[in-house]
Amino acid sequence: MKIRKKFLWVTGGMFLAVLVTVITAVTALAIENSRADRIYNDYSGVYVNEKYHEPVRISNVGLVKQDISCGYAVMEMFSN
């Protein structure tokens, strides 16, 4: 009887651990998905945030003029 009781406790504990892990993972994915949806669809932060009001300046970096598709331009950048 003791072995059976111990087995039930161990099995129940493992089941509970797996259940908590699954619930945590699903919750984390749901939160990440809602954050991503808000980020991808809401550009208002760009207009109100002060750090985006001044253009970025980088010295000694050439501008790539893109006359071709994006994928081909990337290959051209890495081939030179």
PDB file of N, CA and C in Angstrom:
ATOM      1  N   MET A   1       0.817  -1.199   0.000  1.00  0.00           N
ATOM      2  CA  MET A   1       0.000   0.000   0.000  1.00  0.00           C
ATOM      3  C   MET A   1       0.860   1.264   0.000  1.00  0.00           C
ATOM      4  N   LYS A   2       1.995   1.238   0.738  1.00  0.00           N
ATOM      5  CA  LYS A   2       2.861   2.397   0.800  1.00  0.00           C
ATOM      6  C   LYS A   2       3.458   2.705  -0.574  1.00  0.00           C
ATOM      7  N   ILE A   3       3.823   1.664  -1.298  1.00  0.00           N
ATOM      8  CA  ILE A   3       4.431   1.860  -2.624  1.00  0.00           C
ATOM      9  C   ILE A   3       3.420   2.493  -3.559  1.00  0.00           C
ATOM     10  N   ARG A   4       2.192   2.022  -3.492  1.00  0.00           N
ATOM     11  CA  ARG A   4       1.145   2.578  -4.357  1.00  0.00           C
ATOM     12  C   ARG A   4       0.874   4.041  -4.021  1.00  0.00           C
ATOM     13  N   LYS A   5       0.837   4.367  -2.741  1.00  0.00           N
ATOM     14  CA  LYS A   5       0.600   5.735  -2.311  1.00  0.00           C
ATOM     15  C   LYS A   5       1.748   6.639  -2.762  1.00  0.00           C
ATOM     16  N   LYS A   6       2.975   6.161  -2.617  1.00  0.00           N
ATOM     17  CA  LYS A   6       4.138   6.921  -3.040  1.00  0.00           C
ATOM     18  C   LYS A   6       4.113   7.129  -4.559  1.00  0.00           C
ATOM     19  N   PHE A   7       3.746   6.078  -5.282  1.00  0.00           N
ATOM     20  CA  PHE A   7       3.648   6.173  -6.743  1.00  0.00           C
ATOM     21  C   PHE A   7       2.609   7.213  -7.156  1.00  0.00           C
ATOM     22  N   LEU A   8       1.473   7.228  -6.481  1.00  0.00           N
ATOM     23  CA  LEU A   8       0.434   8.205  -6.780  1.00  0.00           C
ATOM     24  C   LEU A   8       0.912   9.628  -6.489  1.00  0.00           C
ATOM     25  N   TRP A   9       1.640   9.831  -5.408  1.00  0.00           N
ATOM     26  CA  TRP A   9       2.164  11.160  -5.078  1.00  0.00           C
ATOM     27  C   TRP A   9       3.178  11.620  -6.130  1.00  0.00           C
ATOM     28  N   VAL A  10       4.071  10.729  -6.523  1.00  0.00           N
ATOM     29  CA  VAL A  10       5.085  11.073  -7.525  1.00  0.00           C
ATOM     30  C   VAL A  10       4.421  11.359  -8.869  1.00  0.00           C
ATOM     31  N   THR A  11       3.494  10.510  -9.267  1.00  0.00           N
ATOM     32  CA  THR A  11       2.796  10.703 -10.540  1.00  0.00           C
ATOM     33  C   THR A  11       1.979  11.991 -10.521  1.00  0.00           C
ATOM     34  N   GLY A  12       1.287  12.222  -9.426  1.00  0.00           N
ATOM     35  CA  GLY A  12       0.507  13.458  -9.296  1.00  0.00           C
ATOM     36  C   GLY A  12       1.396  14.694  -9.323  1.00  0.00           C
ATOM     37  N   GLY A  13       2.538  14.630  -8.658  1.00  0.00           N
ATOM     38  CA  GLY A  13       3.474  15.747  -8.669  1.00  0.00           C
ATOM     39  C   GLY A  13       4.026  16.020 -10.055  1.00  0.00           C
ATOM     40  N   MET A  14       4.350  14.954 -10.787  1.00  0.00           N
ATOM     41  CA  MET A  14       4.849  15.128 -12.152  1.00  0.00           C
ATOM     42  C   MET A  14       3.769  15.714 -13.049  1.00  0.00           C
ATOM     43  N   PHE A  15       2.553  15.234 -12.894  1.00  0.00           N
ATOM     44  CA  PHE A  15       1.447  15.759 -13.684  1.00  0.00           C
ATOM     45  C   PHE A  15       1.213  17.236 -13.380  1.00  0.00           C
ATOM     46  N   LEU A  16       1.270  17.586 -12.112  1.00  0.00           N
ATOM     47  CA  LEU A  16       1.091  18.985 -11.713  1.00  0.00           C
ATOM     48  C   LEU A  16       2.211  19.861 -12.266  1.00  0.00           C
ATOM     49  N   ALA A  17       3.443  19.361 -12.244  1.00  0.00           N
ATOM     50  CA  ALA A  17       4.571  20.125 -12.788  1.00  0.00           C
ATOM     51  C   ALA A  17       4.410  20.356 -14.281  1.00  0.00           C
ATOM     52  N   VAL A  18       3.989  19.331 -14.997  1.00  0.00           N
ATOM     53  CA  VAL A  18       3.770  19.469 -16.441  1.00  0.00           C
ATOM     54  C   VAL A  18       2.623  20.430 -16.711  1.00  0.00           C
ATOM     55  N   LEU A  19       1.577  20.334 -15.936  1.00  0.00           N
ATOM     56  CA  LEU A  19       0.413  21.209 -16.100  1.00  0.00           C
ATOM     57  C   LEU A  19       0.800  22.670 -15.862  1.00  0.00           C
ATOM     58  N   VAL A  20       1.555  22.937 -14.821  1.00  0.00           N
ATOM     59  CA  VAL A  20       1.991  24.303 -14.526  1.00  0.00           C
ATOM     60  C   VAL A  20       2.897  24.817 -15.646  1.00  0.00           C
ATOM     61  N   THR A  21       3.784  23.971 -16.157  1.00  0.00           N
ATOM     62  CA  THR A  21       4.676  24.359 -17.252  1.00  0.00           C
ATOM     63  C   THR A  21       3.888  24.702 -18.505  1.00  0.00           C
ATOM     64  N   VAL A  22       2.914  23.894 -18.841  1.00  0.00           N
ATOM     65  CA  VAL A  22       2.095  24.140 -20.033  1.00  0.00           C
ATOM     66  C   VAL A  22       1.291  25.432 -19.873  1.00  0.00           C
ATOM     67  N   ILE A  23       0.700  25.638 -18.726  1.00  0.00           N
ATOM     68  CA  ILE A  23      -0.085  26.850 -18.487  1.00  0.00           C
ATOM     69  C   ILE A  23       0.817  28.082 -18.568  1.00  0.00           C
ATOM     70  N   THR A  24       2.013  27.998 -17.987  1.00  0.00           N
ATOM     71  CA  THR A  24       2.952  29.113 -18.046  1.00  0.00           C
ATOM     72  C   THR A  24       3.369  29.408 -19.484  1.00  0.00           C
ATOM     73  N   ALA A  25       3.666  28.371 -20.253  1.00  0.00           N
ATOM     74  CA  ALA A  25       4.079  28.563 -21.646  1.00  0.00           C
ATOM     75  C   ALA A  25       2.958  29.171 -22.481  1.00  0.00           C
ATOM     76  N   VAL A  26       1.748  28.683 -22.315  1.00  0.00           N
ATOM     77  CA  VAL A  26       0.616  29.216 -23.075  1.00  0.00           C
ATOM     78  C   VAL A  26       0.361  30.673 -22.702  1.00  0.00           C
ATOM     79  N   THR A  27       0.447  30.982 -21.426  1.00  0.00           N
ATOM     80  CA  THR A  27       0.248  32.366 -20.980  1.00  0.00           C
ATOM     81  C   THR A  27       1.329  33.286 -21.542  1.00  0.00           C
ATOM     82  N   ALA A  28       2.578  32.835 -21.495  1.00  0.00           N
ATOM     83  CA  ALA A  28       3.675  33.649 -22.024  1.00  0.00           C
ATOM     84  C   ALA A  28       3.513  33.881 -23.528  1.00  0.00           C
ATOM     85  N   LEU A  29       3.125  32.860 -24.260  1.00  0.00           N
ATOM     86  CA  LEU A  29       2.911  33.024 -25.703  1.00  0.00           C
ATOM     87  C   LEU A  29       1.747  33.963 -25.994  1.00  0.00           C
ATOM     88  N   ALA A  30       0.689  33.882 -25.204  1.00  0.00           N
ATOM     89  CA  ALA A  30      -0.451  34.773 -25.409  1.00  0.00           C
ATOM     90  C   ALA A  30      -0.061  36.225 -25.137  1.00  0.00           C
ATOM     91  N   ILE A  31       0.703  36.456 -24.083  1.00  0.00           N
ATOM     92  CA  ILE A  31       1.147  37.820 -23.766  1.00  0.00           C
ATOM     93  C   ILE A  31       2.058  38.340 -24.867  1.00  0.00           C
ATOM     94  N   GLU A  32       3.003  37.527 -25.313  1.00  0.00           N
ATOM     95  CA  GLU A  32       3.923  37.944 -26.373  1.00  0.00           C
ATOM     96  C   GLU A  32       3.172  38.236 -27.666  1.00  0.00           C
ATOM     97  N   ASN A  33       2.178  37.431 -27.981  1.00  0.00           N
ATOM     98  CA  ASN A  33       1.399  37.635 -29.202  1.00  0.00           C
ATOM     99  C   ASN A  33       0.614  38.952 -29.131  1.00  0.00           C
ATOM    100  N   SER A  34       0.028  39.249 -27.976  1.00  0.00           N
ATOM    101  CA  SER A  34      -0.728  40.500 -27.866  1.00  0.00           C
ATOM    102  C   SER A  34       0.202  41.701 -27.934  1.00  0.00           C
ATOM    103  N   ARG A  35       1.398  41.594 -27.332  1.00  0.00           N
ATOM    104  CA  ARG A  35       2.366  42.687 -27.422  1.00  0.00           C
ATOM    105  C   ARG A  35       2.821  42.895 -28.859  1.00  0.00           C
ATOM    106  N   ALA A  36       3.089  41.805 -29.561  1.00  0.00           N
ATOM    107  CA  ALA A  36       3.538  41.910 -30.946  1.00  0.00           C
ATOM    108  C   ALA A  36       2.451  42.540 -31.813  1.00  0.00           C
ATOM    109  N   ASP A  37       1.208  42.154 -31.595  1.00  0.00           N
ATOM    110  CA  ASP A  37       0.110  42.743 -32.369  1.00  0.00           C
ATOM    111  C   ASP A  37       0.018  44.244 -32.134  1.00  0.00           C
ATOM    112  N   ARG A  38       0.191  44.665 -30.879  1.00  0.00           N
ATOM    113  CA  ARG A  38       0.140  46.098 -30.582  1.00  0.00           C
ATOM    114  C   ARG A  38       1.314  46.840 -31.199  1.00  0.00           C
ATOM    115  N   ILE A  39       2.478  46.237 -31.187  1.00  0.00           N
ATOM    116  CA  ILE A  39       3.663  46.891 -31.740  1.00  0.00           C
ATOM    117  C   ILE A  39       3.538  47.011 -33.251  1.00  0.00           C
ATOM    118  N   TYR A  40       3.099  45.952 -33.913  1.00  0.00           N
ATOM    119  CA  TYR A  40       3.040  45.953 -35.373  1.00  0.00           C
ATOM    120  C   TYR A  40       1.939  46.840 -35.924  1.00  0.00           C
ATOM    121  N   ASN A  41       0.924  47.112 -35.137  1.00  0.00           N
ATOM    122  CA  ASN A  41      -0.202  47.882 -35.636  1.00  0.00           C
ATOM    123  C   ASN A  41      -0.284  49.297 -35.087  1.00  0.00           C
ATOM    124  N   ASP A  42       0.516  49.623 -34.103  1.00  0.00           N
ATOM    125  CA  ASP A  42       0.422  50.928 -33.462  1.00  0.00           C
ATOM    126  C   ASP A  42       1.722  51.696 -33.660  1.00  0.00           C
ATOM    127  N   TYR A  43       1.684  52.712 -34.498  1.00  0.00           N
ATOM    128  CA  TYR A  43       2.868  53.524 -34.775  1.00  0.00           C
ATOM    129  C   TYR A  43       2.836  54.843 -34.014  1.00  0.00           C
ATOM    130  N   SER A  44       1.926  55.024 -33.109  1.00  0.00           N
ATOM    131  CA  SER A  44       1.793  56.307 -32.424  1.00  0.00           C
ATOM    132  C   SER A  44       3.007  56.623 -31.560  1.00  0.00           C
ATOM    133  N   GLY A  45       3.719  55.596 -31.086  1.00  0.00           N
ATOM    134  CA  GLY A  45       4.905  55.831 -30.283  1.00  0.00           C
ATOM    135  C   GLY A  45       5.989  56.569 -31.039  1.00  0.00           C
ATOM    136  N   VAL A  46       6.044  56.403 -32.336  1.00  0.00           N
ATOM    137  CA  VAL A  46       7.044  57.082 -33.152  1.00  0.00           C
ATOM    138  C   VAL A  46       6.762  58.577 -33.191  1.00  0.00           C
ATOM    139  N   TYR A  47       5.516  58.951 -33.176  1.00  0.00           N
ATOM    140  CA  TYR A  47       5.155  60.359 -33.293  1.00  0.00           C
ATOM    141  C   TYR A  47       5.252  61.110 -31.967  1.00  0.00           C
ATOM    142  N   VAL A  48       5.085  60.430 -30.849  1.00  0.00           N
ATOM    143  CA  VAL A  48       5.070  61.123 -29.570  1.00  0.00           C
ATOM    144  C   VAL A  48       6.370  60.969 -28.780  1.00  0.00           C
ATOM    145  N   ASN A  49       7.193  59.996 -29.121  1.00  0.00           N
ATOM    146  CA  ASN A  49       8.418  59.768 -28.383  1.00  0.00           C
ATOM    147  C   ASN A  49       9.501  60.743 -28.842  1.00  0.00           C
ATOM    148  N   GLU A  50      10.144  61.430 -27.896  1.00  0.00           N
ATOM    149  CA  GLU A  50      11.134  62.463 -28.209  1.00  0.00           C
ATOM    150  C   GLU A  50      12.368  61.902 -28.919  1.00  0.00           C
ATOM    151  N   LYS A  51      12.736  60.671 -28.636  1.00  0.00           N
ATOM    152  CA  LYS A  51      13.965  60.143 -29.224  1.00  0.00           C
ATOM    153  C   LYS A  51      13.851  59.916 -30.727  1.00  0.00           C
ATOM    154  N   TYR A  52      12.647  59.920 -31.278  1.00  0.00           N
ATOM    155  CA  TYR A  52      12.465  59.730 -32.719  1.00  0.00           C
ATOM    156  C   TYR A  52      12.339  61.054 -33.474  1.00  0.00           C
ATOM    157  N   HIS A  53      12.436  62.182 -32.798  1.00  0.00           N
ATOM    158  CA  HIS A  53      12.255  63.473 -33.459  1.00  0.00           C
ATOM    159  C   HIS A  53      13.511  63.952 -34.175  1.00  0.00           C
ATOM    160  N   GLU A  54      14.675  63.461 -33.770  1.00  0.00           N
ATOM    161  CA  GLU A  54      15.928  63.887 -34.389  1.00  0.00           C
ATOM    162  C   GLU A  54      16.444  62.775 -35.294  1.00  0.00           C
ATOM    163  N   PRO A  55      16.844  63.102 -36.534  1.00  0.00           N
ATOM    164  CA  PRO A  55      17.336  62.063 -37.436  1.00  0.00           C
ATOM    165  C   PRO A  55      18.657  61.459 -36.951  1.00  0.00           C
ATOM    166  N   VAL A  56      18.877  60.227 -37.319  1.00  0.00           N
ATOM    167  CA  VAL A  56      20.095  59.518 -36.937  1.00  0.00           C
ATOM    168  C   VAL A  56      21.202  59.881 -37.918  1.00  0.00           C
ATOM    169  N   ARG A  57      22.394  60.124 -37.396  1.00  0.00           N
ATOM    170  CA  ARG A  57      23.542  60.438 -38.243  1.00  0.00           C
ATOM    171  C   ARG A  57      24.634  59.409 -37.974  1.00  0.00           C
ATOM    172  N   ILE A  58      25.117  58.803 -39.055  1.00  0.00           N
ATOM    173  CA  ILE A  58      26.188  57.817 -38.954  1.00  0.00           C
ATOM    174  C   ILE A  58      27.291  58.246 -39.905  1.00  0.00           C
ATOM    175  N   SER A  59      28.499  58.401 -39.387  1.00  0.00           N
ATOM    176  CA  SER A  59      29.600  58.835 -40.246  1.00  0.00           C
ATOM    177  C   SER A  59      30.351  57.629 -40.812  1.00  0.00           C
ATOM    178  N   ASN A  60      30.942  57.828 -41.983  1.00  0.00           N
ATOM    179  CA  ASN A  60      31.750  56.821 -42.679  1.00  0.00           C
ATOM    180  C   ASN A  60      30.964  55.583 -43.102  1.00  0.00           C
ATOM    181  N   VAL A  61      29.693  55.748 -43.353  1.00  0.00           N
ATOM    182  CA  VAL A  61      28.869  54.651 -43.855  1.00  0.00           C
ATOM    183  C   VAL A  61      28.196  55.135 -45.120  1.00  0.00           C
ATOM    184  N   GLY A  62      28.420  54.387 -46.209  1.00  0.00           N
ATOM    185  CA  GLY A  62      27.831  54.788 -47.481  1.00  0.00           C
ATOM    186  C   GLY A  62      26.389  54.357 -47.606  1.00  0.00           C
ATOM    187  N   LEU A  63      25.627  55.149 -48.314  1.00  0.00           N
ATOM    188  CA  LEU A  63      24.224  54.847 -48.553  1.00  0.00           C
ATOM    189  C   LEU A  63      24.124  53.928 -49.756  1.00  0.00           C
ATOM    190  N   VAL A  64      23.330  52.894 -49.653  1.00  0.00           N
ATOM    191  CA  VAL A  64      23.129  51.958 -50.753  1.00  0.00           C
ATOM    192  C   VAL A  64      21.943  52.446 -51.566  1.00  0.00           C
ATOM    193  N   LYS A  65      22.179  52.790 -52.816  1.00  0.00           N
ATOM    194  CA  LYS A  65      21.090  53.173 -53.721  1.00  0.00           C
ATOM    195  C   LYS A  65      20.461  51.887 -54.239  1.00  0.00           C
ATOM    196  N   GLN A  66      19.180  51.740 -54.036  1.00  0.00           N
ATOM    197  CA  GLN A  66      18.513  50.502 -54.396  1.00  0.00           C
ATOM    198  C   GLN A  66      17.734  50.676 -55.691  1.00  0.00           C
ATOM    199  N   ASP A  67      18.291  50.137 -56.769  1.00  0.00           N
ATOM    200  CA  ASP A  67      17.615  50.138 -58.058  1.00  0.00           C
ATOM    201  C   ASP A  67      17.023  48.771 -58.365  1.00  0.00           C
ATOM    202  N   ILE A  68      17.269  47.825 -57.501  1.00  0.00           N
ATOM    203  CA  ILE A  68      16.854  46.445 -57.727  1.00  0.00           C
ATOM    204  C   ILE A  68      16.091  45.945 -56.505  1.00  0.00           C
ATOM    205  N   SER A  69      15.641  44.709 -56.564  1.00  0.00           N
ATOM    206  CA  SER A  69      14.835  44.175 -55.462  1.00  0.00           C
ATOM    207  C   SER A  69      15.669  44.050 -54.186  1.00  0.00           C
ATOM    208  N   CYS A  70      15.011  43.981 -53.083  1.00  0.00           N
ATOM    209  CA  CYS A  70      15.659  43.996 -51.780  1.00  0.00           C
ATOM    210  C   CYS A  70      16.599  42.801 -51.601  1.00  0.00           C
ATOM    211  N   GLY A  71      16.154  41.616 -51.977  1.00  0.00           N
ATOM    212  CA  GLY A  71      16.994  40.428 -51.825  1.00  0.00           C
ATOM    213  C   GLY A  71      18.271  40.528 -52.622  1.00  0.00           C
ATOM    214  N   TYR A  72      18.186  41.029 -53.836  1.00  0.00           N
ATOM    215  CA  TYR A  72      19.366  41.176 -54.668  1.00  0.00           C
ATOM    216  C   TYR A  72      20.284  42.257 -54.111  1.00  0.00           C
ATOM    217  N   ALA A  73      19.725  43.314 -53.547  1.00  0.00           N
ATOM    218  CA  ALA A  73      20.528  44.377 -52.948  1.00  0.00           C
ATOM    219  C   ALA A  73      21.317  43.840 -51.760  1.00  0.00           C
ATOM    220  N   VAL A  74      20.729  42.964 -50.981  1.00  0.00           N
ATOM    221  CA  VAL A  74      21.431  42.377 -49.843  1.00  0.00           C
ATOM    222  C   VAL A  74      22.599  41.531 -50.342  1.00  0.00           C
ATOM    223  N   MET A  75      22.383  40.744 -51.386  1.00  0.00           N
ATOM    224  CA  MET A  75      23.475  39.943 -51.944  1.00  0.00           C
ATOM    225  C   MET A  75      24.590  40.842 -52.472  1.00  0.00           C
ATOM    226  N   GLU A  76      24.228  41.959 -53.078  1.00  0.00           N
ATOM    227  CA  GLU A  76      25.231  42.901 -53.588  1.00  0.00           C
ATOM    228  C   GLU A  76      26.039  43.512 -52.450  1.00  0.00           C
ATOM    229  N   MET A  77      25.389  43.831 -51.340  1.00  0.00           N
ATOM    230  CA  MET A  77      26.102  44.415 -50.200  1.00  0.00           C
ATOM    231  C   MET A  77      27.121  43.442 -49.634  1.00  0.00           C
ATOM    232  N   PHE A  78      26.750  42.171 -49.509  1.00  0.00           N
ATOM    233  CA  PHE A  78      27.656  41.198 -48.919  1.00  0.00           C
ATOM    234  C   PHE A  78      28.731  40.721 -49.893  1.00  0.00           C
ATOM    235  N   SER A  79      28.508  40.874 -51.180  1.00  0.00           N
ATOM    236  CA  SER A  79      29.496  40.410 -52.151  1.00  0.00           C
ATOM    237  C   SER A  79      30.617  41.400 -52.344  1.00  0.00           C
ATOM    238  N   ASN A  80      30.427  42.656 -51.993  1.00  0.00           N
ATOM    239  CA  ASN A  80      31.486  43.677 -52.198  1.00  0.00           C
ATOM    240  C   ASN A  80      32.452  43.722 -51.049  1.00  0.00           C
TER     241      ASN A  80
END
